[in-house]
Amino acid sequence: MSHDMDYTSQAINDLNKKKKQLEDQAKIEISMEKLKLAQEQRCILQSQAHIIQNMRKAMKEVQGDRDLLKKEKKKLEYLIAGLLKAGHGSKDKLERIKAIMDE
């Protein structure tokens, strides 16, 4: 009977060791998964920051182009107004040019 108890105790100890090993392995796997998720999150945040920077840069460029177009349009309007004042002979042609610009 003592031999059976020793065997049972040994089996319980073995099972407890195996359980502890499995728990430790599970903890390590969970830690590794958390590290991978943290790394992926950093990559996503970094990508998001780059996208925002690129978007802002593109918006500034578009705004710069708009400002330039507005300035060019004003110059043309002043030029047309000056030509209209200068002579009535080319008034019809200038009005057609102005109509095209306004489109």
N, C-alpha and C. Protein backbone atom coordinates (compact mmCIF):
# COMPACT_ATOMS: atom_id res chain seq x y z
N MET A 1 0.81 -1.19 0.00
CA MET A 1 0.00 0.00 0.00
C MET A 1 0.87 1.27 0.00
N SER A 2 1.96 1.23 0.70
CA SER A 2 2.88 2.35 0.74
C SER A 2 3.47 2.62 -0.64
N HIS A 3 3.70 1.53 -1.33
CA HIS A 3 4.23 1.65 -2.68
C HIS A 3 3.22 2.35 -3.60
N ASP A 4 1.95 2.03 -3.46
CA ASP A 4 0.90 2.68 -4.25
C ASP A 4 0.80 4.18 -3.92
N MET A 5 0.95 4.50 -2.63
CA MET A 5 0.89 5.91 -2.23
C MET A 5 2.08 6.68 -2.78
N ASP A 6 3.26 6.03 -2.76
CA ASP A 6 4.45 6.67 -3.33
C ASP A 6 4.25 6.90 -4.83
N TYR A 7 3.71 5.90 -5.48
CA TYR A 7 3.46 6.02 -6.92
C TYR A 7 2.44 7.12 -7.20
N THR A 8 1.37 7.17 -6.38
CA THR A 8 0.34 8.18 -6.55
C THR A 8 0.92 9.58 -6.26
N SER A 9 1.71 9.70 -5.21
CA SER A 9 2.35 10.98 -4.88
C SER A 9 3.28 11.42 -6.01
N GLN A 10 4.04 10.47 -6.52
CA GLN A 10 4.95 10.77 -7.62
C GLN A 10 4.16 11.23 -8.86
N ALA A 11 3.05 10.55 -9.15
CA ALA A 11 2.22 10.91 -10.30
C ALA A 11 1.63 12.32 -10.11
N ILE A 12 1.19 12.62 -8.89
CA ILE A 12 0.64 13.95 -8.60
C ILE A 12 1.73 15.01 -8.77
N ASN A 13 2.92 14.72 -8.24
CA ASN A 13 4.04 15.66 -8.39
C ASN A 13 4.38 15.88 -9.86
N ASP A 14 4.41 14.80 -10.63
CA ASP A 14 4.69 14.91 -12.06
C ASP A 14 3.63 15.76 -12.77
N LEU A 15 2.36 15.51 -12.41
CA LEU A 15 1.28 16.29 -13.00
C LEU A 15 1.39 17.76 -12.63
N ASN A 16 1.75 18.03 -11.36
CA ASN A 16 1.91 19.43 -10.92
C ASN A 16 3.07 20.10 -11.66
N LYS A 17 4.17 19.37 -11.87
CA LYS A 17 5.30 19.91 -12.63
C LYS A 17 4.89 20.20 -14.07
N LYS A 18 4.17 19.25 -14.65
CA LYS A 18 3.72 19.43 -16.03
C LYS A 18 2.78 20.63 -16.12
N LYS A 19 1.87 20.76 -15.13
CA LYS A 19 0.95 21.88 -15.09
C LYS A 19 1.72 23.20 -14.99
N LYS A 20 2.73 23.23 -14.12
CA LYS A 20 3.54 24.43 -13.95
C LYS A 20 4.28 24.78 -15.25
N GLN A 21 4.81 23.76 -15.94
CA GLN A 21 5.50 23.98 -17.21
C GLN A 21 4.53 24.56 -18.25
N LEU A 22 3.34 23.98 -18.31
CA LEU A 22 2.34 24.46 -19.27
C LEU A 22 1.91 25.90 -18.95
N GLU A 23 1.75 26.22 -17.67
CA GLU A 23 1.40 27.58 -17.27
C GLU A 23 2.51 28.56 -17.66
N ASP A 24 3.76 28.16 -17.39
CA ASP A 24 4.89 29.01 -17.74
C ASP A 24 4.97 29.22 -19.25
N GLN A 25 4.76 28.15 -19.99
CA GLN A 25 4.80 28.24 -21.45
C GLN A 25 3.67 29.15 -21.95
N ALA A 26 2.50 29.02 -21.36
CA ALA A 26 1.36 29.87 -21.75
C ALA A 26 1.66 31.34 -21.45
N LYS A 27 2.27 31.60 -20.29
CA LYS A 27 2.63 32.97 -19.95
C LYS A 27 3.62 33.55 -20.94
N ILE A 28 4.60 32.75 -21.34
CA ILE A 28 5.60 33.20 -22.31
C ILE A 28 4.92 33.49 -23.65
N GLU A 29 4.04 32.60 -24.09
CA GLU A 29 3.34 32.81 -25.36
C GLU A 29 2.47 34.06 -25.31
N ILE A 30 1.81 34.28 -24.20
CA ILE A 30 0.97 35.48 -24.04
C ILE A 30 1.85 36.73 -24.09
N SER A 31 2.99 36.69 -23.40
CA SER A 31 3.90 37.83 -23.42
C SER A 31 4.40 38.12 -24.83
N MET A 32 4.74 37.06 -25.55
CA MET A 32 5.21 37.24 -26.92
C MET A 32 4.11 37.82 -27.80
N GLU A 33 2.89 37.37 -27.62
CA GLU A 33 1.76 37.89 -28.41
C GLU A 33 1.52 39.36 -28.08
N LYS A 34 1.63 39.71 -26.80
CA LYS A 34 1.47 41.11 -26.40
C LYS A 34 2.56 41.97 -27.04
N LEU A 35 3.79 41.47 -27.09
CA LEU A 35 4.88 42.22 -27.71
C LEU A 35 4.63 42.41 -29.21
N LYS A 36 4.14 41.35 -29.86
CA LYS A 36 3.84 41.47 -31.29
C LYS A 36 2.73 42.49 -31.52
N LEU A 37 1.71 42.46 -30.69
CA LEU A 37 0.61 43.42 -30.83
C LEU A 37 1.09 44.85 -30.58
N ALA A 38 1.95 45.01 -29.58
CA ALA A 38 2.48 46.35 -29.29
C ALA A 38 3.31 46.86 -30.47
N GLN A 39 4.09 45.98 -31.07
CA GLN A 39 4.90 46.37 -32.22
C GLN A 39 4.00 46.74 -33.40
N GLU A 40 2.97 45.95 -33.65
CA GLU A 40 2.04 46.26 -34.74
C GLU A 40 1.34 47.59 -34.48
N GLN A 41 0.99 47.84 -33.22
CA GLN A 41 0.33 49.10 -32.88
C GLN A 41 1.27 50.28 -33.15
N ARG A 42 2.55 50.12 -32.78
CA ARG A 42 3.52 51.19 -33.05
C ARG A 42 3.64 51.44 -34.55
N CYS A 43 3.68 50.37 -35.33
CA CYS A 43 3.76 50.51 -36.78
C CYS A 43 2.54 51.25 -37.33
N ILE A 44 1.38 50.89 -36.83
CA ILE A 44 0.14 51.53 -37.28
C ILE A 44 0.15 53.02 -36.93
N LEU A 45 0.55 53.33 -35.70
CA LEU A 45 0.59 54.73 -35.28
C LEU A 45 1.61 55.52 -36.09
N GLN A 46 2.75 54.89 -36.38
CA GLN A 46 3.78 55.55 -37.18
C GLN A 46 3.27 55.79 -38.60
N SER A 47 2.61 54.80 -39.16
CA SER A 47 2.04 54.94 -40.50
C SER A 47 0.98 56.05 -40.51
N GLN A 48 0.18 56.08 -39.49
CA GLN A 48 -0.86 57.10 -39.39
C GLN A 48 -0.22 58.49 -39.34
N ALA A 49 0.86 58.63 -38.58
CA ALA A 49 1.54 59.93 -38.49
C ALA A 49 2.10 60.34 -39.85
N HIS A 50 2.67 59.37 -40.58
CA HIS A 50 3.20 59.68 -41.92
C HIS A 50 2.08 60.09 -42.87
N ILE A 51 0.97 59.41 -42.78
CA ILE A 51 -0.16 59.74 -43.65
C ILE A 51 -0.65 61.16 -43.36
N ILE A 52 -0.74 61.50 -42.09
CA ILE A 52 -1.19 62.85 -41.72
C ILE A 52 -0.21 63.89 -42.22
N GLN A 53 1.10 63.63 -42.06
CA GLN A 53 2.11 64.58 -42.55
C GLN A 53 2.00 64.75 -44.06
N ASN A 54 1.89 63.64 -44.77
CA ASN A 54 1.79 63.72 -46.23
C ASN A 54 0.53 64.44 -46.66
N MET A 55 -0.55 64.21 -45.95
CA MET A 55 -1.81 64.87 -46.27
C MET A 55 -1.70 66.37 -46.06
N ARG A 56 -1.08 66.77 -44.96
CA ARG A 56 -0.91 68.20 -44.70
C ARG A 56 -0.02 68.85 -45.76
N LYS A 57 1.04 68.15 -46.14
CA LYS A 57 1.94 68.68 -47.16
C LYS A 57 1.19 68.83 -48.49
N ALA A 58 0.40 67.83 -48.84
CA ALA A 58 -0.37 67.90 -50.09
C ALA A 58 -1.39 69.03 -50.04
N MET A 59 -2.03 69.21 -48.89
CA MET A 59 -3.01 70.29 -48.75
C MET A 59 -2.34 71.66 -48.89
N LYS A 60 -1.13 71.81 -48.33
CA LYS A 60 -0.41 73.08 -48.47
C LYS A 60 -0.06 73.34 -49.92
N GLU A 61 0.35 72.28 -50.63
CA GLU A 61 0.69 72.44 -52.04
C GLU A 61 -0.54 72.85 -52.85
N VAL A 62 -1.67 72.21 -52.56
CA VAL A 62 -2.92 72.54 -53.27
C VAL A 62 -3.32 73.97 -52.96
N GLN A 63 -3.19 74.36 -51.69
CA GLN A 63 -3.54 75.72 -51.31
C GLN A 63 -2.62 76.71 -52.01
N GLY A 64 -1.33 76.38 -52.10
CA GLY A 64 -0.39 77.24 -52.81
C GLY A 64 -0.75 77.38 -54.27
N ASP A 65 -1.14 76.27 -54.90
CA ASP A 65 -1.56 76.32 -56.30
C ASP A 65 -2.81 77.19 -56.46
N ARG A 66 -3.74 77.05 -55.53
CA ARG A 66 -4.97 77.87 -55.59
C ARG A 66 -4.64 79.35 -55.47
N ASP A 67 -3.76 79.66 -54.53
CA ASP A 67 -3.38 81.06 -54.35
C ASP A 67 -2.73 81.60 -55.61
N LEU A 68 -1.87 80.79 -56.21
CA LEU A 68 -1.20 81.22 -57.44
C LEU A 68 -2.21 81.44 -58.56
N LEU A 69 -3.17 80.51 -58.68
CA LEU A 69 -4.21 80.66 -59.71
C LEU A 69 -5.05 81.91 -59.47
N LYS A 70 -5.36 82.19 -58.21
CA LYS A 70 -6.14 83.39 -57.90
C LYS A 70 -5.37 84.65 -58.31
N LYS A 71 -4.07 84.65 -58.03
CA LYS A 71 -3.25 85.81 -58.40
C LYS A 71 -3.21 85.98 -59.92
N GLU A 72 -3.03 84.86 -60.61
CA GLU A 72 -2.98 84.92 -62.08
C GLU A 72 -4.32 85.39 -62.66
N LYS A 73 -5.41 84.94 -62.05
CA LYS A 73 -6.73 85.35 -62.52
C LYS A 73 -6.92 86.85 -62.31
N LYS A 74 -6.49 87.37 -61.17
CA LYS A 74 -6.59 88.80 -60.90
C LYS A 74 -5.77 89.60 -61.92
N LYS A 75 -4.56 89.11 -62.23
CA LYS A 75 -3.73 89.80 -63.22
C LYS A 75 -4.44 89.87 -64.57
N LEU A 76 -5.01 88.74 -64.97
CA LEU A 76 -5.73 88.71 -66.25
C LEU A 76 -6.94 89.63 -66.23
N GLU A 77 -7.66 89.66 -65.11
CA GLU A 77 -8.81 90.54 -65.01
C GLU A 77 -8.39 92.01 -65.14
N TYR A 78 -7.29 92.38 -64.49
CA TYR A 78 -6.79 93.76 -64.60
C TYR A 78 -6.35 94.06 -66.03
N LEU A 79 -5.71 93.10 -66.65
CA LEU A 79 -5.26 93.27 -68.03
C LEU A 79 -6.45 93.47 -68.97
N ILE A 80 -7.46 92.66 -68.79
CA ILE A 80 -8.66 92.77 -69.63
C ILE A 80 -9.35 94.10 -69.38
N ALA A 81 -9.45 94.48 -68.11
CA ALA A 81 -10.10 95.75 -67.80
C ALA A 81 -9.32 96.90 -68.44
N GLY A 82 -8.01 96.84 -68.40
CA GLY A 82 -7.19 97.88 -69.02
C GLY A 82 -7.38 97.92 -70.52
N LEU A 83 -7.45 96.77 -71.13
CA LEU A 83 -7.66 96.72 -72.58
C LEU A 83 -9.04 97.23 -72.98
N LEU A 84 -10.03 96.92 -72.14
CA LEU A 84 -11.38 97.41 -72.43
C LEU A 84 -11.43 98.94 -72.35
N LYS A 85 -10.70 99.49 -71.43
CA LYS A 85 -10.66 100.94 -71.30
C LYS A 85 -9.87 101.56 -72.46
N ALA A 86 -8.85 100.87 -72.94
CA ALA A 86 -7.96 101.41 -73.95
C ALA A 86 -8.63 101.56 -75.31
N GLY A 87 -9.47 100.65 -75.69
CA GLY A 87 -10.07 100.78 -77.01
C GLY A 87 -11.32 99.95 -77.15
N HIS A 88 -12.25 100.48 -77.92
CA HIS A 88 -13.51 99.76 -78.11
C HIS A 88 -13.45 98.81 -79.29
N GLY A 89 -12.45 98.91 -80.15
CA GLY A 89 -12.35 98.07 -81.34
C GLY A 89 -12.21 96.59 -81.01
N SER A 90 -11.48 96.28 -79.96
CA SER A 90 -11.27 94.88 -79.62
C SER A 90 -12.15 94.46 -78.45
N LYS A 91 -13.14 95.26 -78.13
CA LYS A 91 -14.00 95.00 -76.98
C LYS A 91 -14.72 93.66 -77.10
N ASP A 92 -15.26 93.34 -78.26
CA ASP A 92 -15.98 92.07 -78.44
C ASP A 92 -15.05 90.88 -78.22
N LYS A 93 -13.87 90.96 -78.78
CA LYS A 93 -12.90 89.86 -78.61
C LYS A 93 -12.53 89.69 -77.14
N LEU A 94 -12.31 90.79 -76.47
CA LEU A 94 -11.94 90.73 -75.06
C LEU A 94 -13.08 90.19 -74.20
N GLU A 95 -14.29 90.57 -74.54
CA GLU A 95 -15.43 90.05 -73.79
C GLU A 95 -15.57 88.55 -73.98
N ARG A 96 -15.27 88.06 -75.18
CA ARG A 96 -15.29 86.60 -75.42
C ARG A 96 -14.19 85.91 -74.62
N ILE A 97 -13.02 86.53 -74.56
CA ILE A 97 -11.93 85.96 -73.76
C ILE A 97 -12.33 85.93 -72.28
N LYS A 98 -12.92 87.01 -71.82
CA LYS A 98 -13.37 87.07 -70.43
C LYS A 98 -14.42 86.01 -70.15
N ALA A 99 -15.33 85.78 -71.08
CA ALA A 99 -16.38 84.76 -70.90
C ALA A 99 -15.73 83.38 -70.80
N ILE A 100 -14.72 83.14 -71.61
CA ILE A 100 -14.02 81.85 -71.55
C ILE A 100 -13.33 81.69 -70.19
N MET A 101 -12.73 82.77 -69.71
CA MET A 101 -12.06 82.71 -68.40
C MET A 101 -13.04 82.44 -67.28
N ASP A 102 -14.21 83.01 -67.38
CA ASP A 102 -15.20 82.87 -66.32
C ASP A 102 -15.78 81.46 -66.25
N GLU A 103 -15.62 80.69 -67.29
CA GLU A 103 -16.18 79.32 -67.29
C GLU A 103 -15.50 78.43 -66.36
